[in-house]
Amino acid sequence: MRLLHNILFKINKMRLCKGLNLKKRRIIMSGKIFYRERRKVQDGEKKPRFRIVGVSDCNLKIYAKHLRLCELEHIAEETNAELIFLRKGSKNKD
């Protein structure tokens, strides 16, 4: 039982070492994912509501055009990236 515990601990440690600074004990984000809400989707529709606009400092390829928020959060969690929501611009172009 103790051997199994040690093996699982080492596997989890190896997974976290990519995004973890062991000296400071804090997680370092490896990149940023910029996304926005789709324009033609209304509340209550069962369509994906978000679109990825860009990715910074993250080796990531995305093949889907539209994603759900839970899918975006899962991608960000697995890649240790930060999700950044892009605000809508104003209608006036001042």
PDB file of N, CA and C in Angstrom:
ATOM      1  N   MET A   1       0.826  -1.192   0.000  1.00  0.00           N
ATOM      2  CA  MET A   1       0.000   0.000   0.000  1.00  0.00           C
ATOM      3  C   MET A   1       0.871   1.257   0.000  1.00  0.00           C
ATOM      4  N   ARG A   2       1.913   1.241   0.784  1.00  0.00           N
ATOM      5  CA  ARG A   2       2.807   2.390   0.842  1.00  0.00           C
ATOM      6  C   ARG A   2       3.538   2.580  -0.484  1.00  0.00           C
ATOM      7  N   LEU A   3       3.897   1.484  -1.133  1.00  0.00           N
ATOM      8  CA  LEU A   3       4.568   1.563  -2.429  1.00  0.00           C
ATOM      9  C   LEU A   3       3.643   2.205  -3.469  1.00  0.00           C
ATOM     10  N   LEU A   4       2.381   1.813  -3.468  1.00  0.00           N
ATOM     11  CA  LEU A   4       1.410   2.401  -4.387  1.00  0.00           C
ATOM     12  C   LEU A   4       1.243   3.896  -4.117  1.00  0.00           C
ATOM     13  N   HIS A   5       1.204   4.275  -2.858  1.00  0.00           N
ATOM     14  CA  HIS A   5       1.096   5.684  -2.494  1.00  0.00           C
ATOM     15  C   HIS A   5       2.295   6.472  -3.008  1.00  0.00           C
ATOM     16  N   ASN A   6       3.507   5.934  -2.862  1.00  0.00           N
ATOM     17  CA  ASN A   6       4.718   6.611  -3.331  1.00  0.00           C
ATOM     18  C   ASN A   6       4.715   6.766  -4.855  1.00  0.00           C
ATOM     19  N   ILE A   7       4.261   5.738  -5.561  1.00  0.00           N
ATOM     20  CA  ILE A   7       4.212   5.800  -7.024  1.00  0.00           C
ATOM     21  C   ILE A   7       3.228   6.875  -7.474  1.00  0.00           C
ATOM     22  N   LEU A   8       2.039   6.893  -6.867  1.00  0.00           N
ATOM     23  CA  LEU A   8       1.045   7.904  -7.224  1.00  0.00           C
ATOM     24  C   LEU A   8       1.537   9.310  -6.890  1.00  0.00           C
ATOM     25  N   PHE A   9       2.239   9.463  -5.788  1.00  0.00           N
ATOM     26  CA  PHE A   9       2.781  10.763  -5.416  1.00  0.00           C
ATOM     27  C   PHE A   9       3.802  11.236  -6.443  1.00  0.00           C
ATOM     28  N   LYS A  10       4.670  10.337  -6.905  1.00  0.00           N
ATOM     29  CA  LYS A  10       5.684  10.711  -7.896  1.00  0.00           C
ATOM     30  C   LYS A  10       5.046  11.081  -9.227  1.00  0.00           C
ATOM     31  N   ILE A  11       4.001  10.356  -9.626  1.00  0.00           N
ATOM     32  CA  ILE A  11       3.316  10.669 -10.887  1.00  0.00           C
ATOM     33  C   ILE A  11       2.673  12.050 -10.805  1.00  0.00           C
ATOM     34  N   ASN A  12       1.984  12.342  -9.719  1.00  0.00           N
ATOM     35  CA  ASN A  12       1.363  13.655  -9.556  1.00  0.00           C
ATOM     36  C   ASN A  12       2.405  14.764  -9.501  1.00  0.00           C
ATOM     37  N   LYS A  13       3.537  14.494  -8.876  1.00  0.00           N
ATOM     38  CA  LYS A  13       4.605  15.485  -8.788  1.00  0.00           C
ATOM     39  C   LYS A  13       5.171  15.779 -10.168  1.00  0.00           C
ATOM     40  N   MET A  14       5.332  14.742 -11.006  1.00  0.00           N
ATOM     41  CA  MET A  14       5.846  14.948 -12.357  1.00  0.00           C
ATOM     42  C   MET A  14       4.870  15.767 -13.189  1.00  0.00           C
ATOM     43  N   ARG A  15       3.568  15.542 -13.013  1.00  0.00           N
ATOM     44  CA  ARG A  15       2.560  16.312 -13.756  1.00  0.00           C
ATOM     45  C   ARG A  15       2.596  17.781 -13.378  1.00  0.00           C
ATOM     46  N   LEU A  16       2.818  18.080 -12.108  1.00  0.00           N
ATOM     47  CA  LEU A  16       2.784  19.456 -11.625  1.00  0.00           C
ATOM     48  C   LEU A  16       4.086  20.210 -11.853  1.00  0.00           C
ATOM     49  N   CYS A  17       5.181  19.513 -12.111  1.00  0.00           N
ATOM     50  CA  CYS A  17       6.474  20.179 -12.224  1.00  0.00           C
ATOM     51  C   CYS A  17       6.545  21.133 -13.409  1.00  0.00           C
ATOM     52  N   LYS A  18       5.766  20.893 -14.449  1.00  0.00           N
ATOM     53  CA  LYS A  18       5.807  21.790 -15.602  1.00  0.00           C
ATOM     54  C   LYS A  18       5.307  23.177 -15.249  1.00  0.00           C
ATOM     55  N   GLY A  19       4.244  23.271 -14.474  1.00  0.00           N
ATOM     56  CA  GLY A  19       3.671  24.567 -14.151  1.00  0.00           C
ATOM     57  C   GLY A  19       3.948  25.027 -12.735  1.00  0.00           C
ATOM     58  N   LEU A  20       4.845  24.361 -12.019  1.00  0.00           N
ATOM     59  CA  LEU A  20       5.059  24.664 -10.611  1.00  0.00           C
ATOM     60  C   LEU A  20       6.486  25.112 -10.376  1.00  0.00           C
ATOM     61  N   ASN A  21       6.661  26.231  -9.742  1.00  0.00           N
ATOM     62  CA  ASN A  21       7.968  26.698  -9.336  1.00  0.00           C
ATOM     63  C   ASN A  21       8.205  26.149  -7.931  1.00  0.00           C
ATOM     64  N   LEU A  22       9.070  25.143  -7.805  1.00  0.00           N
ATOM     65  CA  LEU A  22       9.214  24.442  -6.532  1.00  0.00           C
ATOM     66  C   LEU A  22       9.850  25.311  -5.446  1.00  0.00           C
ATOM     67  N   LYS A  23      10.630  26.322  -5.815  1.00  0.00           N
ATOM     68  CA  LYS A  23      11.254  27.165  -4.795  1.00  0.00           C
ATOM     69  C   LYS A  23      10.236  28.088  -4.142  1.00  0.00           C
ATOM     70  N   LYS A  24       9.345  28.665  -4.925  1.00  0.00           N
ATOM     71  CA  LYS A  24       8.380  29.617  -4.392  1.00  0.00           C
ATOM     72  C   LYS A  24       7.044  28.971  -4.062  1.00  0.00           C
ATOM     73  N   ARG A  25       6.826  27.735  -4.482  1.00  0.00           N
ATOM     74  CA  ARG A  25       5.601  26.992  -4.194  1.00  0.00           C
ATOM     75  C   ARG A  25       4.344  27.701  -4.712  1.00  0.00           C
ATOM     76  N   ARG A  26       4.409  28.202  -5.938  1.00  0.00           N
ATOM     77  CA  ARG A  26       3.236  28.803  -6.541  1.00  0.00           C
ATOM     78  C   ARG A  26       3.141  28.340  -7.987  1.00  0.00           C
ATOM     79  N   ILE A  27       1.942  28.334  -8.501  1.00  0.00           N
ATOM     80  CA  ILE A  27       1.728  27.868  -9.865  1.00  0.00           C
ATOM     81  C   ILE A  27       2.001  29.015 -10.827  1.00  0.00           C
ATOM     82  N   ILE A  28       2.740  28.718 -11.884  1.00  0.00           N
ATOM     83  CA  ILE A  28       3.048  29.693 -12.911  1.00  0.00           C
ATOM     84  C   ILE A  28       2.175  29.391 -14.121  1.00  0.00           C
ATOM     85  N   MET A  29       1.434  30.375 -14.577  1.00  0.00           N
ATOM     86  CA  MET A  29       0.604  30.193 -15.759  1.00  0.00           C
ATOM     87  C   MET A  29       1.501  30.158 -16.990  1.00  0.00           C
ATOM     88  N   SER A  30       1.233  29.207 -17.874  1.00  0.00           N
ATOM     89  CA  SER A  30       2.085  29.072 -19.041  1.00  0.00           C
ATOM     90  C   SER A  30       1.606  29.891 -20.220  1.00  0.00           C
ATOM     91  N   GLY A  31       0.413  30.442 -20.177  1.00  0.00           N
ATOM     92  CA  GLY A  31      -0.066  31.227 -21.299  1.00  0.00           C
ATOM     93  C   GLY A  31      -1.412  31.850 -21.012  1.00  0.00           C
ATOM     94  N   LYS A  32      -1.953  32.496 -22.032  1.00  0.00           N
ATOM     95  CA  LYS A  32      -3.256  33.145 -21.914  1.00  0.00           C
ATOM     96  C   LYS A  32      -4.107  32.748 -23.102  1.00  0.00           C
ATOM     97  N   ILE A  33      -5.393  32.527 -22.839  1.00  0.00           N
ATOM     98  CA  ILE A  33      -6.364  32.216 -23.885  1.00  0.00           C
ATOM     99  C   ILE A  33      -7.388  33.338 -23.889  1.00  0.00           C
ATOM    100  N   PHE A  34      -7.480  34.044 -25.006  1.00  0.00           N
ATOM    101  CA  PHE A  34      -8.422  35.148 -25.151  1.00  0.00           C
ATOM    102  C   PHE A  34      -9.669  34.640 -25.865  1.00  0.00           C
ATOM    103  N   TYR A  35     -10.830  34.931 -25.275  1.00  0.00           N
ATOM    104  CA  TYR A  35     -12.080  34.469 -25.879  1.00  0.00           C
ATOM    105  C   TYR A  35     -13.139  35.554 -25.784  1.00  0.00           C
ATOM    106  N   ARG A  36     -14.158  35.427 -26.621  1.00  0.00           N
ATOM    107  CA  ARG A  36     -15.270  36.372 -26.597  1.00  0.00           C
ATOM    108  C   ARG A  36     -16.568  35.622 -26.803  1.00  0.00           C
ATOM    109  N   GLU A  37     -17.661  36.311 -26.506  1.00  0.00           N
ATOM    110  CA  GLU A  37     -18.978  35.718 -26.695  1.00  0.00           C
ATOM    111  C   GLU A  37     -19.383  35.895 -28.158  1.00  0.00           C
ATOM    112  N   ARG A  38     -20.023  34.880 -28.707  1.00  0.00           N
ATOM    113  CA  ARG A  38     -20.503  34.973 -30.084  1.00  0.00           C
ATOM    114  C   ARG A  38     -21.606  36.009 -30.181  1.00  0.00           C
ATOM    115  N   ARG A  39     -21.746  36.609 -31.341  1.00  0.00           N
ATOM    116  CA  ARG A  39     -22.714  37.690 -31.509  1.00  0.00           C
ATOM    117  C   ARG A  39     -24.123  37.189 -31.788  1.00  0.00           C
ATOM    118  N   LYS A  40     -24.266  36.107 -32.510  1.00  0.00           N
ATOM    119  CA  LYS A  40     -25.591  35.677 -32.962  1.00  0.00           C
ATOM    120  C   LYS A  40     -26.229  34.599 -32.081  1.00  0.00           C
ATOM    121  N   VAL A  41     -25.713  34.392 -30.898  1.00  0.00           N
ATOM    122  CA  VAL A  41     -26.282  33.395 -29.993  1.00  0.00           C
ATOM    123  C   VAL A  41     -27.075  34.115 -28.912  1.00  0.00           C
ATOM    124  N   GLN A  42     -28.277  33.633 -28.646  1.00  0.00           N
ATOM    125  CA  GLN A  42     -29.130  34.250 -27.635  1.00  0.00           C
ATOM    126  C   GLN A  42     -29.206  33.351 -26.411  1.00  0.00           C
ATOM    127  N   ASP A  43     -29.686  33.912 -25.307  1.00  0.00           N
ATOM    128  CA  ASP A  43     -29.833  33.133 -24.078  1.00  0.00           C
ATOM    129  C   ASP A  43     -30.834  32.005 -24.292  1.00  0.00           C
ATOM    130  N   GLY A  44     -30.544  30.841 -23.759  1.00  0.00           N
ATOM    131  CA  GLY A  44     -31.448  29.700 -23.853  1.00  0.00           C
ATOM    132  C   GLY A  44     -31.179  28.794 -25.039  1.00  0.00           C
ATOM    133  N   GLU A  45     -30.383  29.234 -25.987  1.00  0.00           N
ATOM    134  CA  GLU A  45     -30.054  28.368 -27.116  1.00  0.00           C
ATOM    135  C   GLU A  45     -29.058  27.316 -26.670  1.00  0.00           C
ATOM    136  N   LYS A  46     -29.119  26.176 -27.294  1.00  0.00           N
ATOM    137  CA  LYS A  46     -28.222  25.087 -26.915  1.00  0.00           C
ATOM    138  C   LYS A  46     -27.065  24.994 -27.907  1.00  0.00           C
ATOM    139  N   LYS A  47     -26.464  26.135 -28.191  1.00  0.00           N
ATOM    140  CA  LYS A  47     -25.309  26.203 -29.072  1.00  0.00           C
ATOM    141  C   LYS A  47     -24.122  26.693 -28.260  1.00  0.00           C
ATOM    142  N   PRO A  48     -22.906  26.303 -28.648  1.00  0.00           N
ATOM    143  CA  PRO A  48     -21.734  26.853 -27.960  1.00  0.00           C
ATOM    144  C   PRO A  48     -21.703  28.376 -28.089  1.00  0.00           C
ATOM    145  N   ARG A  49     -21.430  29.069 -26.984  1.00  0.00           N
ATOM    146  CA  ARG A  49     -21.570  30.528 -26.957  1.00  0.00           C
ATOM    147  C   ARG A  49     -20.274  31.293 -27.149  1.00  0.00           C
ATOM    148  N   PHE A  50     -19.119  30.644 -27.103  1.00  0.00           N
ATOM    149  CA  PHE A  50     -17.859  31.376 -27.075  1.00  0.00           C
ATOM    150  C   PHE A  50     -16.959  30.999 -28.242  1.00  0.00           C
ATOM    151  N   ARG A  51     -16.073  31.928 -28.591  1.00  0.00           N
ATOM    152  CA  ARG A  51     -15.127  31.727 -29.676  1.00  0.00           C
ATOM    153  C   ARG A  51     -13.752  32.168 -29.181  1.00  0.00           C
ATOM    154  N   ILE A  52     -12.748  31.370 -29.456  1.00  0.00           N
ATOM    155  CA  ILE A  52     -11.383  31.721 -29.073  1.00  0.00           C
ATOM    156  C   ILE A  52     -10.838  32.689 -30.112  1.00  0.00           C
ATOM    157  N   VAL A  53     -10.306  33.811 -29.624  1.00  0.00           N
ATOM    158  CA  VAL A  53      -9.781  34.845 -30.510  1.00  0.00           C
ATOM    159  C   VAL A  53      -8.286  34.688 -30.689  1.00  0.00           C
ATOM    160  N   GLY A  54      -7.583  34.358 -29.611  1.00  0.00           N
ATOM    161  CA  GLY A  54      -6.130  34.221 -29.705  1.00  0.00           C
ATOM    162  C   GLY A  54      -5.555  33.494 -28.511  1.00  0.00           C
ATOM    163  N   VAL A  55      -4.315  33.042 -28.689  1.00  0.00           N
ATOM    164  CA  VAL A  55      -3.592  32.333 -27.631  1.00  0.00           C
ATOM    165  C   VAL A  55      -2.203  32.945 -27.539  1.00  0.00           C
ATOM    166  N   SER A  56      -1.740  33.214 -26.316  1.00  0.00           N
ATOM    167  CA  SER A  56      -0.434  33.820 -26.108  1.00  0.00           C
ATOM    168  C   SER A  56       0.425  32.922 -25.223  1.00  0.00           C
ATOM    169  N   ASP A  57       1.662  32.700 -25.633  1.00  0.00           N
ATOM    170  CA  ASP A  57       2.650  31.933 -24.859  1.00  0.00           C
ATOM    171  C   ASP A  57       2.169  30.540 -24.486  1.00  0.00           C
ATOM    172  N   CYS A  58       1.474  29.883 -25.378  1.00  0.00           N
ATOM    173  CA  CYS A  58       0.968  28.544 -25.096  1.00  0.00           C
ATOM    174  C   CYS A  58       0.991  27.755 -26.403  1.00  0.00           C
ATOM    175  N   ASN A  59       1.609  26.607 -26.391  1.00  0.00           N
ATOM    176  CA  ASN A  59       1.682  25.767 -27.584  1.00  0.00           C
ATOM    177  C   ASN A  59       0.377  24.988 -27.679  1.00  0.00           C
ATOM    178  N   LEU A  60      -0.595  25.566 -28.372  1.00  0.00           N
ATOM    179  CA  LEU A  60      -1.942  25.010 -28.389  1.00  0.00           C
ATOM    180  C   LEU A  60      -2.570  25.219 -29.757  1.00  0.00           C
ATOM    181  N   LYS A  61      -3.162  24.178 -30.306  1.00  0.00           N
ATOM    182  CA  LYS A  61      -3.922  24.275 -31.545  1.00  0.00           C
ATOM    183  C   LYS A  61      -5.366  23.932 -31.228  1.00  0.00           C
ATOM    184  N   ILE A  62      -6.287  24.759 -31.699  1.00  0.00           N
ATOM    185  CA  ILE A  62      -7.702  24.537 -31.457  1.00  0.00           C
ATOM    186  C   ILE A  62      -8.390  24.393 -32.802  1.00  0.00           C
ATOM    187  N   TYR A  63      -9.129  23.308 -32.972  1.00  0.00           N
ATOM    188  CA  TYR A  63      -9.749  23.015 -34.252  1.00  0.00           C
ATOM    189  C   TYR A  63     -11.237  23.358 -34.285  1.00  0.00           C
ATOM    190  N   ALA A  64     -11.839  23.621 -33.153  1.00  0.00           N
ATOM    191  CA  ALA A  64     -13.266  23.952 -33.103  1.00  0.00           C
ATOM    192  C   ALA A  64     -13.449  25.449 -33.312  1.00  0.00           C
ATOM    193  N   LYS A  65     -14.549  25.811 -33.958  1.00  0.00           N
ATOM    194  CA  LYS A  65     -14.845  27.235 -34.168  1.00  0.00           C
ATOM    195  C   LYS A  65     -15.521  27.847 -32.954  1.00  0.00           C
ATOM    196  N   HIS A  66     -16.407  27.093 -32.294  1.00  0.00           N
ATOM    197  CA  HIS A  66     -17.162  27.600 -31.151  1.00  0.00           C
ATOM    198  C   HIS A  66     -17.066  26.607 -30.009  1.00  0.00           C
ATOM    199  N   LEU A  67     -16.960  27.118 -28.787  1.00  0.00           N
ATOM    200  CA  LEU A  67     -16.801  26.266 -27.605  1.00  0.00           C
ATOM    201  C   LEU A  67     -17.741  26.721 -26.493  1.00  0.00           C
ATOM    202  N   ARG A  68     -18.040  25.787 -25.603  1.00  0.00           N
ATOM    203  CA  ARG A  68     -18.798  26.100 -24.398  1.00  0.00           C
ATOM    204  C   ARG A  68     -17.828  26.560 -23.316  1.00  0.00           C
ATOM    205  N   LEU A  69     -18.348  27.261 -22.310  1.00  0.00           N
ATOM    206  CA  LEU A  69     -17.491  27.776 -21.249  1.00  0.00           C
ATOM    207  C   LEU A  69     -16.827  26.646 -20.473  1.00  0.00           C
ATOM    208  N   CYS A  70     -17.549  25.561 -20.221  1.00  0.00           N
ATOM    209  CA  CYS A  70     -16.953  24.439 -19.490  1.00  0.00           C
ATOM    210  C   CYS A  70     -15.791  23.822 -20.285  1.00  0.00           C
ATOM    211  N   GLU A  71     -15.907  23.816 -21.612  1.00  0.00           N
ATOM    212  CA  GLU A  71     -14.824  23.302 -22.451  1.00  0.00           C
ATOM    213  C   GLU A  71     -13.609  24.233 -22.404  1.00  0.00           C
ATOM    214  N   LEU A  72     -13.864  25.538 -22.427  1.00  0.00           N
ATOM    215  CA  LEU A  72     -12.763  26.505 -22.313  1.00  0.00           C
ATOM    216  C   LEU A  72     -12.039  26.369 -20.977  1.00  0.00           C
ATOM    217  N   GLU A  73     -12.814  26.228 -19.904  1.00  0.00           N
ATOM    218  CA  GLU A  73     -12.213  26.082 -18.577  1.00  0.00           C
ATOM    219  C   GLU A  73     -11.391  24.809 -18.473  1.00  0.00           C
ATOM    220  N   HIS A  74     -11.861  23.732 -19.086  1.00  0.00           N
ATOM    221  CA  HIS A  74     -11.127  22.473 -19.054  1.00  0.00           C
ATOM    222  C   HIS A  74      -9.819  22.587 -19.833  1.00  0.00           C
ATOM    223  N   ILE A  75      -9.855  23.233 -20.992  1.00  0.00           N
ATOM    224  CA  ILE A  75      -8.631  23.442 -21.776  1.00  0.00           C
ATOM    225  C   ILE A  75      -7.633  24.280 -20.981  1.00  0.00           C
ATOM    226  N   ALA A  76      -8.113  25.345 -20.357  1.00  0.00           N
ATOM    227  CA  ALA A  76      -7.242  26.217 -19.570  1.00  0.00           C
ATOM    228  C   ALA A  76      -6.645  25.481 -18.376  1.00  0.00           C
ATOM    229  N   GLU A  77      -7.428  24.643 -17.754  1.00  0.00           N
ATOM    230  CA  GLU A  77      -6.940  23.872 -16.604  1.00  0.00           C
ATOM    231  C   GLU A  77      -5.847  22.892 -17.018  1.00  0.00           C
ATOM    232  N   GLU A  78      -6.040  22.218 -18.126  1.00  0.00           N
ATOM    233  CA  GLU A  78      -5.068  21.222 -18.578  1.00  0.00           C
ATOM    234  C   GLU A  78      -3.776  21.847 -19.094  1.00  0.00           C
ATOM    235  N   THR A  79      -3.858  23.048 -19.640  1.00  0.00           N
ATOM    236  CA  THR A  79      -2.665  23.699 -20.188  1.00  0.00           C
ATOM    237  C   THR A  79      -2.059  24.721 -19.230  1.00  0.00           C
ATOM    238  N   ASN A  80      -2.626  24.856 -18.049  1.00  0.00           N
ATOM    239  CA  ASN A  80      -2.197  25.854 -17.060  1.00  0.00           C
ATOM    240  C   ASN A  80      -2.227  27.258 -17.641  1.00  0.00           C
ATOM    241  N   ALA A  81      -3.231  27.534 -18.441  1.00  0.00           N
ATOM    242  CA  ALA A  81      -3.375  28.851 -19.060  1.00  0.00           C
ATOM    243  C   ALA A  81      -4.453  29.653 -18.336  1.00  0.00           C
ATOM    244  N   GLU A  82      -4.394  30.939 -18.523  1.00  0.00           N
ATOM    245  CA  GLU A  82      -5.359  31.849 -17.912  1.00  0.00           C
ATOM    246  C   GLU A  82      -6.392  32.239 -18.969  1.00  0.00           C
ATOM    247  N   LEU A  83      -7.664  32.188 -18.609  1.00  0.00           N
ATOM    248  CA  LEU A  83      -8.724  32.601 -19.526  1.00  0.00           C
ATOM    249  C   LEU A  83      -8.968  34.102 -19.376  1.00  0.00           C
ATOM    250  N   ILE A  84      -8.991  34.812 -20.503  1.00  0.00           N
ATOM    251  CA  ILE A  84      -9.232  36.244 -20.480  1.00  0.00           C
ATOM    252  C   ILE A  84     -10.402  36.549 -21.403  1.00  0.00           C
ATOM    253  N   PHE A  85     -11.470  37.103 -20.820  1.00  0.00           N
ATOM    254  CA  PHE A  85     -12.666  37.453 -21.569  1.00  0.00           C
ATOM    255  C   PHE A  85     -12.470  38.822 -22.204  1.00  0.00           C
ATOM    256  N   LEU A  86     -12.699  38.930 -23.504  1.00  0.00           N
ATOM    257  CA  LEU A  86     -12.574  40.201 -24.205  1.00  0.00           C
ATOM    258  C   LEU A  86     -13.886  40.967 -24.119  1.00  0.00           C
ATOM    259  N   ARG A  87     -13.805  42.204 -23.697  1.00  0.00           N
ATOM    260  CA  ARG A  87     -14.987  43.044 -23.573  1.00  0.00           C
ATOM    261  C   ARG A  87     -15.458  43.489 -24.951  1.00  0.00           C
ATOM    262  N   LYS A  88     -16.743  43.790 -25.032  1.00  0.00           N
ATOM    263  CA  LYS A  88     -17.296  44.320 -26.276  1.00  0.00           C
ATOM    264  C   LYS A  88     -16.875  45.774 -26.430  1.00  0.00           C
ATOM    265  N   GLY A  89     -16.646  46.170 -27.652  1.00  0.00           N
ATOM    266  CA  GLY A  89     -16.332  47.569 -27.927  1.00  0.00           C
ATOM    267  C   GLY A  89     -17.599  48.397 -27.965  1.00  0.00           C
ATOM    268  N   SER A  90     -17.438  49.685 -27.810  1.00  0.00           N
ATOM    269  CA  SER A  90     -18.605  50.565 -27.869  1.00  0.00           C
ATOM    270  C   SER A  90     -19.041  50.759 -29.317  1.00  0.00           C
ATOM    271  N   LYS A  91     -20.298  51.098 -29.506  1.00  0.00           N
ATOM    272  CA  LYS A  91     -20.811  51.313 -30.858  1.00  0.00           C
ATOM    273  C   LYS A  91     -20.256  52.574 -31.482  1.00  0.00           C
ATOM    274  N   ASN A  92     -19.946  53.569 -30.650  1.00  0.00           N
ATOM    275  CA  ASN A  92     -19.343  54.818 -31.149  1.00  0.00           C
ATOM    276  C   ASN A  92     -17.862  54.601 -31.380  1.00  0.00           C
ATOM    277  N   LYS A  93     -17.388  55.021 -32.519  1.00  0.00           N
ATOM    278  CA  LYS A  93     -15.967  54.845 -32.834  1.00  0.00           C
ATOM    279  C   LYS A  93     -15.226  56.143 -32.571  1.00  0.00           C
ATOM    280  N   ASP A  94     -15.240  56.613 -31.317  1.00  0.00           N
ATOM    281  CA  ASP A  94     -14.568  57.870 -30.945  1.00  0.00           C
ATOM    282  C   ASP A  94     -13.125  57.623 -30.644  1.00  0.00           C
TER     283      ASP A  94
END
